[in-house]
Each structure stands twice: as structure tokens, then as C-alpha cells.
C-alpha atoms as a PDB file:
ATOM      1  CA  MET A   1     226.158 138.171 213.082  1.00  0.00           C
ATOM      2  CA  THR A   2     227.458 136.240 216.058  1.00  0.00           C
ATOM      3  CA  PHE A   3     225.144 133.174 216.488  1.00  0.00           C
ATOM      4  CA  ILE A   4     224.603 132.702 212.681  1.00  0.00           C
ATOM      5  CA  LYS A   5     227.894 133.010 211.700  1.00  0.00           C
ATOM      6  CA  THR A   6     229.227 130.776 214.810  1.00  0.00           C
ATOM      7  CA  LEU A   7     226.645 128.180 213.590  1.00  0.00           C
ATOM      8  CA  LYS A   8     227.838 128.318 210.116  1.00  0.00           C
ATOM      9  CA  LEU A   9     231.647 128.104 211.423  1.00  0.00           C
ATOM     10  CA  ALA A  10     230.924 124.961 213.060  1.00  0.00           C
ATOM     11  CA  VAL A  11     229.209 123.447 210.521  1.00  0.00           C
ATOM     12  CA  LEU A  12     231.711 124.256 208.136  1.00  0.00           C
ATOM     13  CA  GLY A  13     234.463 123.006 210.640  1.00  0.00           C
ATOM     14  CA  ALA A  14     232.610 119.891 211.228  1.00  0.00           C
ATOM     15  CA  ILE A  15     232.414 119.063 207.472  1.00  0.00           C
ATOM     16  CA  THR A  16     236.175 120.003 207.601  1.00  0.00           C
ATOM     17  CA  ALA A  17     236.857 117.673 209.963  1.00  0.00           C
ATOM     18  CA  ALA A  18     234.629 114.671 208.624  1.00  0.00           C
ATOM     19  CA  GLY A  19     236.474 115.281 205.670  1.00  0.00           C
ATOM     20  CA  LEU A  20     239.914 114.906 206.658  1.00  0.00           C
ATOM     21  CA  THR A  21     239.049 111.711 208.835  1.00  0.00           C
ATOM     22  CA  VAL A  22     237.660 110.174 205.665  1.00  0.00           C
ATOM     23  CA  ALA A  23     240.596 111.441 203.796  1.00  0.00           C
ATOM     24  CA  ALA A  24     242.703 109.992 207.103  1.00  0.00           C
ATOM     25  CA  THR A  25     241.359 106.546 206.507  1.00  0.00           C
ATOM     26  CA  ALA A  26     241.449 106.627 202.766  1.00  0.00           C
ATOM     27  CA  GLN A  27     243.974 103.635 201.492  1.00  0.00           C
ATOM     28  CA  THR A  28     246.905 104.965 199.516  1.00  0.00           C
ATOM     29  CA  PHE A  29     249.678 102.231 198.514  1.00  0.00           C
ATOM     30  CA  ILE A  30     252.997 102.649 196.378  1.00  0.00           C
ATOM     31  CA  ILE A  31     254.807 101.151 193.387  1.00  0.00           C
ATOM     32  CA  ASP A  32     258.261 101.445 193.196  1.00  0.00           C
ATOM     33  CA  ASN A  33     258.815 102.121 189.456  1.00  0.00           C
ATOM     34  CA  GLU A  34     262.518 101.421 189.045  1.00  0.00           C
ATOM     35  CA  ARG A  35     262.194  98.238 190.481  1.00  0.00           C
ATOM     36  CA  VAL A  36     259.185  97.679 188.401  1.00  0.00           C
ATOM     37  CA  GLU A  37     261.202  98.486 185.471  1.00  0.00           C
ATOM     38  CA  LYS A  38     264.097  96.249 186.718  1.00  0.00           C
ATOM     39  CA  ASP A  39     262.456  93.221 187.906  1.00  0.00           C
ATOM     40  CA  ALA A  40     259.538  92.932 185.702  1.00  0.00           C
ATOM     41  CA  ALA A  41     259.282  90.307 182.985  1.00  0.00           C
ATOM     42  CA  ALA A  42     258.070  92.533 179.970  1.00  0.00           C
ATOM     43  CA  TYR A  43     260.872  94.746 181.003  1.00  0.00           C
ATOM     44  CA  LYS A  44     263.780  92.266 180.953  1.00  0.00           C
ATOM     45  CA  ASP A  45     262.032  90.940 177.695  1.00  0.00           C
ATOM     46  CA  PHE A  46     262.587  94.369 176.151  1.00  0.00           C
ATOM     47  CA  ASN A  47     265.952  94.780 177.219  1.00  0.00           C
ATOM     48  CA  LEU A  48     266.900  91.237 176.375  1.00  0.00           C
ATOM     49  CA  GLN A  49     265.370  91.769 172.622  1.00  0.00           C
ATOM     50  CA  THR A  50     267.301  95.141 171.889  1.00  0.00           C
ATOM     51  CA  THR A  51     270.671  93.696 173.065  1.00  0.00           C
ATOM     52  CA  ASP A  52     272.396  93.708 169.655  1.00  0.00           C
ATOM     53  CA  LEU A  53     270.198  97.296 168.645  1.00  0.00           C
ATOM     54  CA  ARG A  54     271.659  99.061 172.263  1.00  0.00           C
ATOM     55  CA  GLN A  55     275.049  97.525 171.680  1.00  0.00           C
ATOM     56  CA  ASN A  56     275.069  99.009 168.032  1.00  0.00           C
ATOM     57  CA  ILE A  57     274.503 102.518 169.192  1.00  0.00           C
ATOM     58  CA  LEU A  58     277.054 102.150 171.702  1.00  0.00           C
ATOM     59  CA  GLN A  59     279.762 101.656 169.489  1.00  0.00           C
ATOM     60  CA  LEU A  60     278.680 104.104 166.800  1.00  0.00           C
ATOM     61  CA  ARG A  61     278.918 106.636 169.523  1.00  0.00           C
ATOM     62  CA  GLN A  62     282.213 105.384 170.724  1.00  0.00           C
ATOM     63  CA  TYR A  63     283.317 105.679 167.257  1.00  0.00           C
ATOM     64  CA  ILE A  64     282.055 109.261 166.639  1.00  0.00           C
ATOM     65  CA  SER A  65     282.783 110.607 170.012  1.00  0.00           C
ATOM     66  CA  ARG A  66     285.427 113.063 171.025  1.00  0.00           C
ATOM     67  CA  GLY A  67     288.683 110.724 171.524  1.00  0.00           C
ATOM     68  CA  GLY A  68     286.780 107.909 169.778  1.00  0.00           C
ATOM     69  CA  ALA A  69     287.891 105.518 166.954  1.00  0.00           C
ATOM     70  CA  ALA A  70     287.573 108.236 164.060  1.00  0.00           C
ATOM     71  CA  GLU A  71     289.452 110.799 165.838  1.00  0.00           C
ATOM     72  CA  GLN A  72     292.407 108.392 166.800  1.00  0.00           C
ATOM     73  CA  GLN A  73     292.275 107.085 163.306  1.00  0.00           C
ATOM     74  CA  MET A  74     292.667 110.778 162.078  1.00  0.00           C
ATOM     75  CA  ALA A  75     295.404 111.560 164.351  1.00  0.00           C
ATOM     76  CA  GLU A  76     297.256 108.442 163.310  1.00  0.00           C
ATOM     77  CA  LEU A  77     297.116 109.068 159.888  1.00  0.00           C
ATOM     78  CA  GLU A  78     298.108 112.995 160.847  1.00  0.00           C
ATOM     79  CA  LYS A  79     301.545 111.205 162.137  1.00  0.00           C
ATOM     80  CA  GLN A  80     302.174 109.176 158.689  1.00  0.00           C
ATOM     81  CA  LYS A  81     301.452 111.891 156.873  1.00  0.00           C
ATOM     82  CA  ALA A  82     304.975 113.035 155.996  1.00  0.00           C
ATOM     83  CA  ILE A  83     305.696 109.157 155.260  1.00  0.00           C
ATOM     84  CA  ILE A  84     302.847 108.262 153.091  1.00  0.00           C
ATOM     85  CA  GLY A  85     302.847 111.803 150.798  1.00  0.00           C
ATOM     86  CA  ASN A  86     299.845 114.443 150.207  1.00  0.00           C
ATOM     87  CA  ASP A  87     297.902 112.311 147.989  1.00  0.00           C
ATOM     88  CA  LYS A  88     297.744 109.161 149.897  1.00  0.00           C
ATOM     89  CA  TYR A  89     297.306 111.256 152.714  1.00  0.00           C
ATOM     90  CA  GLU A  90     294.407 112.971 151.298  1.00  0.00           C
ATOM     91  CA  GLU A  91     292.879 109.598 150.282  1.00  0.00           C
ATOM     92  CA  GLU A  92     292.772 107.880 153.252  1.00  0.00           C
ATOM     93  CA  LYS A  93     291.557 111.348 154.995  1.00  0.00           C
ATOM     94  CA  LYS A  94     288.550 111.173 152.799  1.00  0.00           C
ATOM     95  CA  LYS A  95     287.965 107.229 153.526  1.00  0.00           C
ATOM     96  CA  ILE A  96     287.951 108.290 157.495  1.00  0.00           C
ATOM     97  CA  GLU A  97     285.887 111.466 156.781  1.00  0.00           C
ATOM     98  CA  GLN A  98     283.187 109.088 154.612  1.00  0.00           C
ATOM     99  CA  THR A  99     282.959 106.586 157.486  1.00  0.00           C
ATOM    100  CA  TYR A 100     282.526 109.053 160.117  1.00  0.00           C
ATOM    101  CA  VAL A 101     279.601 110.727 158.423  1.00  0.00           C
ATOM    102  CA  ALA A 102     278.114 107.026 157.825  1.00  0.00           C
ATOM    103  CA  ALA A 103     278.273 106.472 161.507  1.00  0.00           C
ATOM    104  CA  GLN A 104     276.443 109.598 162.221  1.00  0.00           C
ATOM    105  CA  GLN A 105     273.566 109.253 160.236  1.00  0.00           C
ATOM    106  CA  ASN A 106     273.695 105.168 160.966  1.00  0.00           C
ATOM    107  CA  LEU A 107     273.556 106.446 164.606  1.00  0.00           C
ATOM    108  CA  GLN A 108     270.442 108.623 164.093  1.00  0.00           C
ATOM    109  CA  ALA A 109     268.503 105.652 162.013  1.00  0.00           C
ATOM    110  CA  TYR A 110     269.486 103.250 165.094  1.00  0.00           C
ATOM    111  CA  GLU A 111     268.542 105.615 167.872  1.00  0.00           C
ATOM    112  CA  TYR A 112     265.419 106.476 165.968  1.00  0.00           C
ATOM    113  CA  LEU A 113     264.628 102.749 165.403  1.00  0.00           C
ATOM    114  CA  PHE A 114     265.255 102.198 169.096  1.00  0.00           C
ATOM    115  CA  ASP A 115     262.840 104.926 169.854  1.00  0.00           C
ATOM    116  CA  GLN A 116     259.770 103.437 167.980  1.00  0.00           C
ATOM    117  CA  VAL A 117     260.526  99.723 169.731  1.00  0.00           C
ATOM    118  CA  ARG A 118     260.763 101.470 173.280  1.00  0.00           C
ATOM    119  CA  GLN A 119     257.265 103.457 172.482  1.00  0.00           C
ATOM    120  CA  GLU A 120     255.847  99.991 171.109  1.00  0.00           C
ATOM    121  CA  ALA A 121     257.205  97.928 174.286  1.00  0.00           C
ATOM    122  CA  LEU A 122     255.549 100.919 176.325  1.00  0.00           C
ATOM    123  CA  VAL A 123     252.214 100.839 174.482  1.00  0.00           C
ATOM    124  CA  GLN A 124     251.991  97.038 175.475  1.00  0.00           C
ATOM    125  CA  VAL A 125     253.505  97.335 178.946  1.00  0.00           C
ATOM    126  CA  GLU A 126     250.900 100.706 179.786  1.00  0.00           C
ATOM    127  CA  ARG A 127     248.068  98.298 178.838  1.00  0.00           C
ATOM    128  CA  ALA A 128     248.839  95.666 180.826  1.00  0.00           C
ATOM    129  CA  ARG A 129     249.132  98.128 183.793  1.00  0.00           C
ATOM    130  CA  GLN A 130     246.274  99.576 183.982  1.00  0.00           C
ATOM    131  CA  PRO A 131     244.349  96.279 184.722  1.00  0.00           C
ATOM    132  CA  VAL A 132     246.907  95.004 187.122  1.00  0.00           C
ATOM    133  CA  ILE A 133     246.412  98.696 188.907  1.00  0.00           C
ATOM    134  CA  ARG A 134     242.467  97.921 189.118  1.00  0.00           C
ATOM    135  CA  GLN A 135     242.970  94.575 190.275  1.00  0.00           C
ATOM    136  CA  ILE A 136     245.178  95.955 193.289  1.00  0.00           C
ATOM    137  CA  LEU A 137     242.858  98.930 194.094  1.00  0.00           C
ATOM    138  CA  LYS A 138     239.910  96.418 194.246  1.00  0.00           C
ATOM    139  CA  ASP A 139     241.564  93.819 196.320  1.00  0.00           C
ATOM    140  CA  ARG A 140     242.918  96.185 198.546  1.00  0.00           C
ATOM    141  CA  LYS A 141     240.285  98.732 198.916  1.00  0.00           C
ATOM    142  CA  ALA A 142     242.289 101.671 198.093  1.00  0.00           C
ATOM    143  CA  GLN A 143     241.454 104.767 196.730  1.00  0.00           C
ATOM    144  CA  LEU A 144     245.099 105.790 195.616  1.00  0.00           C
ATOM    145  CA  ILE A 145     248.420 104.428 193.812  1.00  0.00           C
ATOM    146  CA  LEU A 146     251.333 106.976 194.116  1.00  0.00           C
ATOM    147  CA  PRO A 147     254.534 106.348 192.549  1.00  0.00           C
ATOM    148  CA  LYS A 148     257.229 105.914 195.273  1.00  0.00           C
ATOM    149  CA  ARG A 149     259.033 108.645 193.750  1.00  0.00           C
ATOM    150  CA  LEU A 150     256.610 110.947 194.719  1.00  0.00           C
ATOM    151  CA  VAL A 151     256.336 109.961 198.176  1.00  0.00           C
ATOM    152  CA  LEU A 152     258.565 111.308 200.930  1.00  0.00           C
ATOM    153  CA  GLY A 153     257.835 108.753 203.093  1.00  0.00           C
ATOM    154  CA  SER A 154     255.391 106.015 203.991  1.00  0.00           C
ATOM    155  CA  ALA A 155     254.429 103.332 206.961  1.00  0.00           C
ATOM    156  CA  PRO A 156     255.700  99.954 206.339  1.00  0.00           C
ATOM    157  CA  GLY A 157     253.169  97.889 204.319  1.00  0.00           C
ATOM    158  CA  LEU A 158     251.920 100.077 201.863  1.00  0.00           C
ATOM    159  CA  ASP A 159     254.445  99.188 199.178  1.00  0.00           C
ATOM    160  CA  VAL A 160     252.427  97.090 196.703  1.00  0.00           C
ATOM    161  CA  THR A 161     255.675  96.706 194.177  1.00  0.00           C
ATOM    162  CA  THR A 162     256.173  92.856 194.773  1.00  0.00           C
ATOM    163  CA  GLU A 163     252.283  92.116 194.335  1.00  0.00           C
ATOM    164  CA  PHE A 164     252.578  94.841 191.292  1.00  0.00           C
ATOM    165  CA  ILE A 165     255.028  92.666 189.575  1.00  0.00           C
ATOM    166  CA  GLU A 166     253.752  89.370 189.974  1.00  0.00           C
ATOM    167  CA  LEU A 167     250.092  90.490 188.441  1.00  0.00           C
ATOM    168  CA  LEU A 168     252.130  92.440 185.636  1.00  0.00           C
ATOM    169  CA  ASP A 169     254.064  89.188 184.952  1.00  0.00           C
ATOM    170  CA  ALA A 170     251.412  87.687 184.780  1.00  0.00           C
ATOM    171  CA  GLU A 171     249.556  89.624 182.712  1.00  0.00           C
ATOM    172  CA  LEU A 172     252.011  90.571 180.289  1.00  0.00           C
ATOM    173  CA  PRO A 173     255.263  87.970 180.236  1.00  0.00           C
ATOM    174  CA  SER A 174     257.014  89.337 177.320  1.00  0.00           C
ATOM    175  CA  VAL A 175     256.423  92.424 174.866  1.00  0.00           C
ATOM    176  CA  THR A 176     256.078  91.911 170.888  1.00  0.00           C
ATOM    177  CA  LEU A 177     258.301  94.072 169.180  1.00  0.00           C
ATOM    178  CA  THR A 178     257.316  94.023 165.272  1.00  0.00           C
ATOM    179  CA  LYS A 179     259.449  96.769 164.301  1.00  0.00           C
ATOM    180  CA  LEU A 180     262.459  95.584 165.739  1.00  0.00           C
ATOM    181  CA  PRO A 181     264.771  94.296 162.466  1.00  0.00           C
ATOM    182  CA  PRO A 182     266.189  90.816 162.325  1.00  0.00           C
ATOM    183  CA  LYS A 183     269.157  90.062 164.697  1.00  0.00           C
ATOM    184  CA  GLN A 184     272.564  90.859 163.082  1.00  0.00           C
ATOM    185  CA  ALA A 185     276.212  90.129 164.400  1.00  0.00           C
ATOM    186  CA  PRO A 186     277.533  93.580 165.627  1.00  0.00           C
ATOM    187  CA  THR A 187     279.781  95.009 163.346  1.00  0.00           C
ATOM    188  CA  THR A 188     283.087  97.325 165.022  1.00  0.00           C
ATOM    189  CA  THR A 189     283.107  99.860 162.169  1.00  0.00           C
ATOM    190  CA  PRO A 190     280.057 101.622 161.213  1.00  0.00           C
ATOM    191  CA  ALA A 191     277.350  99.582 158.597  1.00  0.00           C
ATOM    192  CA  PRO A 192     275.616 101.605 156.132  1.00  0.00           C
ATOM    193  CA  ALA A 193     272.791 103.590 157.059  1.00  0.00           C
ATOM    194  CA  GLN A 194     269.569 101.660 156.027  1.00  0.00           C
ATOM    195  CA  GLN A 195     266.569 102.829 154.494  1.00  0.00           C
END
């Protein structure tokens, strides 16, 4: 037991040490995805193309939110109830309620559209990312690239974010958003839902 087990343990220890040495010499790099999303041309192009859509979503959220324009209109109407009479009050209340419901429907439609457009852009970015990652792995003779958010710390020189952004910009300078409707002027009141 002693000699054979000792020999097996020694061989196992040597194999483990060799594996650790190989793992320690393996090149691992990191990419800061937050910086990529802020600085890469494709992301900037997406944000530019979806400005109107995001603005419409924001306006509608502000309109229907607690303390928003719809609630303020109802509060103002309540104050005028004694002055304008019951019939006029009910008529105006119904208009505000209809506008509120239309705003909710439009918000849902715009958010759904934004999700579709964002997904369309993400597919294009992901298709462009993969060859860029492979190119960096090949050029740097690396075995692994990790997102920066998963790394607790790293030595200087392991961050390849700038190189990644430059290569991604060359591969995909802009995104094509086929699901995005033509530009419209932003409105202050909710537009009717489009089907």
C-alpha cells in the first residue's frame, strides 16, 4: 500500500502541478461591456435611431404615472366641478379617462416595438462580435476573454476593450433597423394606438 499509493499520489500531484502551470500561463483578457455599449458605433447608432421612440415612451410614462399629467388633469377637473356643473364634469372626466386608456395602449405598443427593434439590433451586434472575439483570441494567442463585471481584479494590460471597440466599429459601424417606423414628431398628448 505504501509504495504504490505513494507513487500514485506523486504522479497525480505532478499531473495536477503541470495542469496548474499550464492554466497559469494561459492568456485571459477582459472586455468592459458597459464601455462597449457606451462607445461602440453600433450602439451609438441604435440610440440615435431610436431617440424618437424612446422619447414617446418617456412622455407616455410621464402622462400615466402617479402624479403625472392625467392625474393632474383629473385633480384640476375636480376643483372645477362646482363651477362647470355635473354634466360638463362627467363629459370632461370621460375625455380624460379615454385619453388615459389610449396612452396606456400606446405605451404598451411602443414598448413592444422598442423591444423588437432592440432585439433586431442585438442580433446584428452579436453576429459582428463573434468574429471580433475570435480575431482577438487569435492575435493575442489567448484562450479566454471574460466580461469585466465577472472579474474581481486584473493586472494591467489584460483589458482589450479599446481594441475590441475598434474592431467592432470596423465590422459593424451601424445597425439596420427594419422594424422601426418612419420618424414622427413627438407629441405632448398620446396618439391613438396603431395596429
